[in-house]
Protein backbone atom coordinates (compact mmCIF):
# COMPACT_ATOMS: atom_id res chain seq x y z
CA UNK A 1 -57.86 -39.48 178.73
CA UNK A 2 -60.39 -39.64 181.56
CA UNK A 3 -59.05 -39.24 185.06
CA UNK A 4 -60.89 -41.02 187.84
CA UNK A 5 -61.50 -39.03 191.03
CA UNK A 6 -60.12 -40.56 194.25
CA UNK A 7 -62.51 -42.46 196.51
CA UNK A 8 -63.74 -40.53 199.57
CA UNK A 9 -65.20 -41.84 202.85
CA UNK A 10 -68.70 -40.98 201.63
CA UNK A 11 -68.30 -43.19 198.56
CA UNK A 12 -67.07 -46.29 200.41
CA UNK A 13 -69.43 -49.23 200.82
CA UNK A 14 -70.17 -50.32 204.40
CA UNK A 15 -67.76 -53.26 204.06
CA UNK A 16 -64.88 -52.02 201.94
CA UNK A 17 -61.74 -53.77 200.79
CA UNK A 18 -58.36 -52.65 202.06
CA UNK A 19 -57.61 -51.21 198.61
CA UNK A 20 -60.74 -49.02 198.73
CA UNK A 21 -60.15 -47.87 202.31
CA UNK A 22 -56.47 -47.35 201.51
CA UNK A 23 -57.36 -45.01 198.65
CA UNK A 24 -59.70 -43.00 200.89
CA UNK A 25 -57.11 -42.80 203.69
CA UNK A 26 -53.74 -42.67 201.94
CA UNK A 27 -54.56 -41.69 198.37
CA UNK A 28 -54.43 -43.61 195.11
CA UNK A 29 -50.63 -43.95 194.97
CA UNK A 30 -50.27 -45.40 198.50
CA UNK A 31 -53.50 -47.42 198.73
CA UNK A 32 -51.60 -50.73 198.69
CA UNK A 33 -49.84 -49.85 201.97
CA UNK A 34 -53.09 -49.80 203.94
CA UNK A 35 -53.42 -53.58 204.34
CA UNK A 36 -50.09 -53.89 206.16
CA UNK A 37 -50.74 -50.84 208.33
CA UNK A 38 -54.24 -52.00 209.23
CA UNK A 39 -52.97 -55.46 210.17
CA UNK A 40 -50.45 -53.88 212.54
CA UNK A 41 -53.19 -51.81 214.20
CA UNK A 42 -55.68 -54.68 214.66
CA UNK A 43 -54.27 -55.31 218.16
CA UNK A 44 -55.15 -51.74 219.09
CA UNK A 45 -58.74 -52.01 217.88
CA UNK A 46 -58.66 -51.61 214.09
CA UNK A 47 -61.66 -53.57 212.77
CA UNK A 48 -60.69 -56.89 211.21
CA UNK A 49 -61.75 -58.08 207.78
CA UNK A 50 -65.16 -59.75 208.08
CA UNK A 51 -65.09 -63.28 206.69
CA UNK A 52 -68.80 -63.03 205.91
CA UNK A 53 -68.81 -59.64 204.18
CA UNK A 54 -65.30 -59.71 202.73
CA UNK A 55 -64.13 -56.32 203.92
CA UNK A 56 -63.63 -54.05 206.91
CA UNK A 57 -66.62 -52.15 208.32
CA UNK A 58 -65.76 -48.69 206.97
CA UNK A 59 -67.57 -46.57 209.64
CA UNK A 60 -65.69 -48.48 212.37
CA UNK A 61 -62.37 -47.93 210.57
CA UNK A 62 -63.11 -44.22 210.36
CA UNK A 63 -64.05 -44.13 214.07
CA UNK A 64 -60.87 -46.03 214.98
CA UNK A 65 -58.67 -43.59 213.06
CA UNK A 66 -60.54 -40.63 214.57
CA UNK A 67 -60.00 -42.03 218.05
CA UNK A 68 -56.29 -42.53 217.39
CA UNK A 69 -55.92 -38.80 216.78
CA UNK A 70 -58.22 -37.44 219.47
CA UNK A 71 -61.37 -36.91 217.42
CA UNK A 72 -63.45 -39.39 219.40
CA UNK A 73 -66.15 -38.14 221.74
CA UNK A 74 -65.64 -41.12 224.05
CA UNK A 75 -63.37 -40.53 227.03
CA UNK A 76 -61.11 -43.44 227.92
CA UNK A 77 -61.34 -44.66 231.50
CA UNK A 78 -57.56 -45.01 231.80
CA UNK A 79 -54.67 -44.86 229.35
CA UNK A 80 -53.49 -48.17 227.89
CA UNK A 81 -51.49 -50.18 230.40
CA UNK A 82 -52.64 -48.27 233.50
CA UNK A 83 -55.22 -49.87 235.76
CA UNK A 84 -55.55 -47.59 238.72
CA UNK A 85 -54.07 -44.86 240.83
CA UNK A 86 -50.75 -46.05 242.22
CA UNK A 87 -49.90 -42.67 243.72
CA UNK A 88 -52.24 -42.56 246.68
CA UNK A 89 -52.18 -39.39 248.73
CA UNK A 90 -51.96 -39.31 252.48
CA UNK A 91 -50.35 -42.70 252.98
CA UNK A 92 -48.45 -42.97 256.21
CA UNK A 93 -46.04 -45.74 257.20
CA UNK A 94 -48.62 -47.09 259.67
CA UNK A 95 -51.20 -47.49 256.91
CA UNK A 96 -48.89 -49.04 254.34
CA UNK A 97 -47.71 -52.61 254.14
CA UNK A 98 -49.20 -55.81 255.51
CA UNK A 99 -50.95 -55.78 258.84
CA UNK A 100 -49.75 -58.14 261.57
CA UNK A 101 -52.11 -59.30 264.26
CA UNK A 102 -51.34 -58.01 267.74
CA UNK A 103 -51.16 -60.30 270.78
CA UNK A 104 -54.69 -59.48 271.87
CA UNK A 105 -56.00 -60.44 268.39
CA UNK A 106 -54.31 -63.86 268.53
CA UNK A 107 -55.97 -66.77 270.32
CA UNK A 108 -54.16 -67.94 273.43
CA UNK A 109 -54.93 -71.64 273.05
CA UNK A 110 -53.90 -74.17 270.43
CA UNK A 111 -55.19 -73.60 266.90
CA UNK A 112 -55.99 -77.21 266.06
CA UNK A 113 -57.64 -79.52 268.59
CA UNK A 114 -57.86 -83.22 267.87
């Protein structure tokens, strides 16, 4: 009885099927689970199956998984869902809120002249 060795990342083709990637990621017994898991993570950046090549781009899948667990060298600009610093320092009540024009800023005459 010959026993086949499990597929590793180095043995994957550039565009691999979910079964092949699943075996490299989860092992031979759980390789069928990868398709469902990958579909769930596509919203977060998991590469989609290429209609032209018929598989997922394996280096991008590996980079995505590495980034999910902090192995990426890229530094995110802001965590997901946060778009700025909402805790400004040094704000005083005079500086916060909308500004209303003072009497000297307002014109004294009518605004519309016909």
